[in-house]
Amino acid sequence: MVKTEFKQIRIPLIGDDALSFTAVTTRGEIHFSKDYRKESR
């Protein structure tokens, strides 16, 4: 018998925290979310 495991994946919703990552773009390296944090009002 083959045992199958499923991992539940959910689509992110507006307002959910995003994962942090670094990406190299044509305009240089960006650090998401450090470069795109919400500013305190």
N, C-alpha and C. Protein backbone atom coordinates (compact mmCIF):
# COMPACT_ATOMS: atom_id res chain seq x y z
N MET A 1 0.85 -1.18 0.00
CA MET A 1 0.00 0.00 0.00
C MET A 1 0.89 1.25 0.00
N VAL A 2 0.52 2.24 -0.79
CA VAL A 2 1.26 3.49 -0.88
C VAL A 2 0.59 4.51 0.02
N LYS A 3 1.38 5.14 0.90
CA LYS A 3 0.85 6.17 1.79
C LYS A 3 1.14 7.53 1.16
N THR A 4 0.10 8.31 0.96
CA THR A 4 0.24 9.63 0.35
C THR A 4 -0.01 10.70 1.40
N GLU A 5 0.89 11.68 1.45
CA GLU A 5 0.72 12.80 2.37
C GLU A 5 0.42 14.06 1.57
N PHE A 6 -0.49 14.85 2.06
CA PHE A 6 -0.85 16.10 1.41
C PHE A 6 -0.50 17.26 2.33
N LYS A 7 0.06 18.31 1.75
CA LYS A 7 0.36 19.53 2.49
C LYS A 7 -0.67 20.57 2.08
N GLN A 8 -1.35 21.13 3.05
CA GLN A 8 -2.38 22.12 2.74
C GLN A 8 -1.71 23.46 2.42
N ILE A 9 -2.02 24.00 1.26
CA ILE A 9 -1.49 25.29 0.83
C ILE A 9 -2.65 26.25 0.67
N ARG A 10 -2.46 27.47 1.18
CA ARG A 10 -3.53 28.45 1.09
C ARG A 10 -3.03 29.67 0.35
N ILE A 11 -3.90 30.27 -0.42
CA ILE A 11 -3.58 31.48 -1.17
C ILE A 11 -3.48 32.64 -0.18
N PRO A 12 -2.40 33.45 -0.26
CA PRO A 12 -2.29 34.60 0.64
C PRO A 12 -3.43 35.60 0.39
N LEU A 13 -3.89 36.20 1.45
CA LEU A 13 -4.96 37.19 1.36
C LEU A 13 -4.40 38.59 1.54
N ILE A 14 -5.12 39.58 1.08
CA ILE A 14 -4.72 40.97 1.27
C ILE A 14 -4.61 41.23 2.76
N GLY A 15 -3.49 41.81 3.17
CA GLY A 15 -3.27 42.10 4.58
C GLY A 15 -2.44 41.04 5.29
N ASP A 16 -2.24 39.87 4.65
CA ASP A 16 -1.39 38.83 5.24
C ASP A 16 0.06 39.30 5.19
N ASP A 17 0.87 38.84 6.14
CA ASP A 17 2.30 39.13 6.10
C ASP A 17 2.93 38.38 4.94
N ALA A 18 3.86 39.03 4.26
CA ALA A 18 4.56 38.40 3.14
C ALA A 18 5.89 37.84 3.63
N LEU A 19 6.37 36.82 2.96
CA LEU A 19 7.67 36.26 3.28
C LEU A 19 8.76 37.22 2.84
N SER A 20 9.85 37.25 3.59
CA SER A 20 10.99 38.09 3.21
C SER A 20 11.85 37.35 2.20
N PHE A 21 12.36 38.08 1.22
CA PHE A 21 13.27 37.48 0.24
C PHE A 21 14.12 38.57 -0.39
N THR A 22 15.19 38.16 -1.04
CA THR A 22 16.08 39.06 -1.77
C THR A 22 16.00 38.69 -3.24
N ALA A 23 15.95 39.70 -4.11
CA ALA A 23 15.89 39.45 -5.55
C ALA A 23 16.83 40.40 -6.27
N VAL A 24 17.46 39.89 -7.31
CA VAL A 24 18.31 40.72 -8.16
C VAL A 24 17.46 41.15 -9.35
N THR A 25 17.36 42.47 -9.55
CA THR A 25 16.56 43.02 -10.64
C THR A 25 17.45 43.81 -11.57
N THR A 26 16.88 44.31 -12.65
CA THR A 26 17.65 45.13 -13.58
C THR A 26 18.02 46.47 -12.97
N ARG A 27 17.40 46.82 -11.85
CA ARG A 27 17.71 48.07 -11.15
C ARG A 27 18.49 47.83 -9.86
N GLY A 28 19.02 46.64 -9.70
CA GLY A 28 19.82 46.33 -8.52
C GLY A 28 19.10 45.33 -7.62
N GLU A 29 19.72 45.04 -6.51
CA GLU A 29 19.18 44.06 -5.56
C GLU A 29 18.12 44.71 -4.68
N ILE A 30 17.02 44.02 -4.47
CA ILE A 30 16.00 44.50 -3.53
C ILE A 30 15.84 43.48 -2.42
N HIS A 31 15.50 43.98 -1.26
CA HIS A 31 15.28 43.15 -0.08
C HIS A 31 13.84 43.33 0.35
N PHE A 32 13.00 42.40 -0.05
CA PHE A 32 11.59 42.47 0.34
C PHE A 32 11.48 41.74 1.65
N SER A 33 11.08 42.19 2.65
CA SER A 33 10.20 43.26 3.00
C SER A 33 10.91 44.44 3.64
N LYS A 34 12.23 44.36 3.81
CA LYS A 34 12.98 45.46 4.42
C LYS A 34 12.81 46.74 3.62
N ASP A 35 12.84 46.67 2.29
CA ASP A 35 12.72 47.87 1.45
C ASP A 35 11.28 48.34 1.29
N TYR A 36 10.31 47.52 1.67
CA TYR A 36 8.90 47.86 1.43
C TYR A 36 8.05 47.72 2.69
N ARG A 37 8.55 48.20 3.81
CA ARG A 37 7.78 48.11 5.05
C ARG A 37 6.71 49.20 5.09
N LYS A 38 5.64 48.90 5.83
CA LYS A 38 4.63 49.94 6.06
C LYS A 38 5.25 51.00 6.95
N GLU A 39 5.02 52.24 6.59
CA GLU A 39 5.54 53.33 7.41
C GLU A 39 4.53 53.67 8.49
N SER A 40 5.03 53.95 9.69
CA SER A 40 4.15 54.33 10.80
C SER A 40 3.58 55.71 10.53
N ARG A 41 2.33 55.87 10.88
CA ARG A 41 1.70 57.19 10.68
C ARG A 41 1.54 57.89 11.98
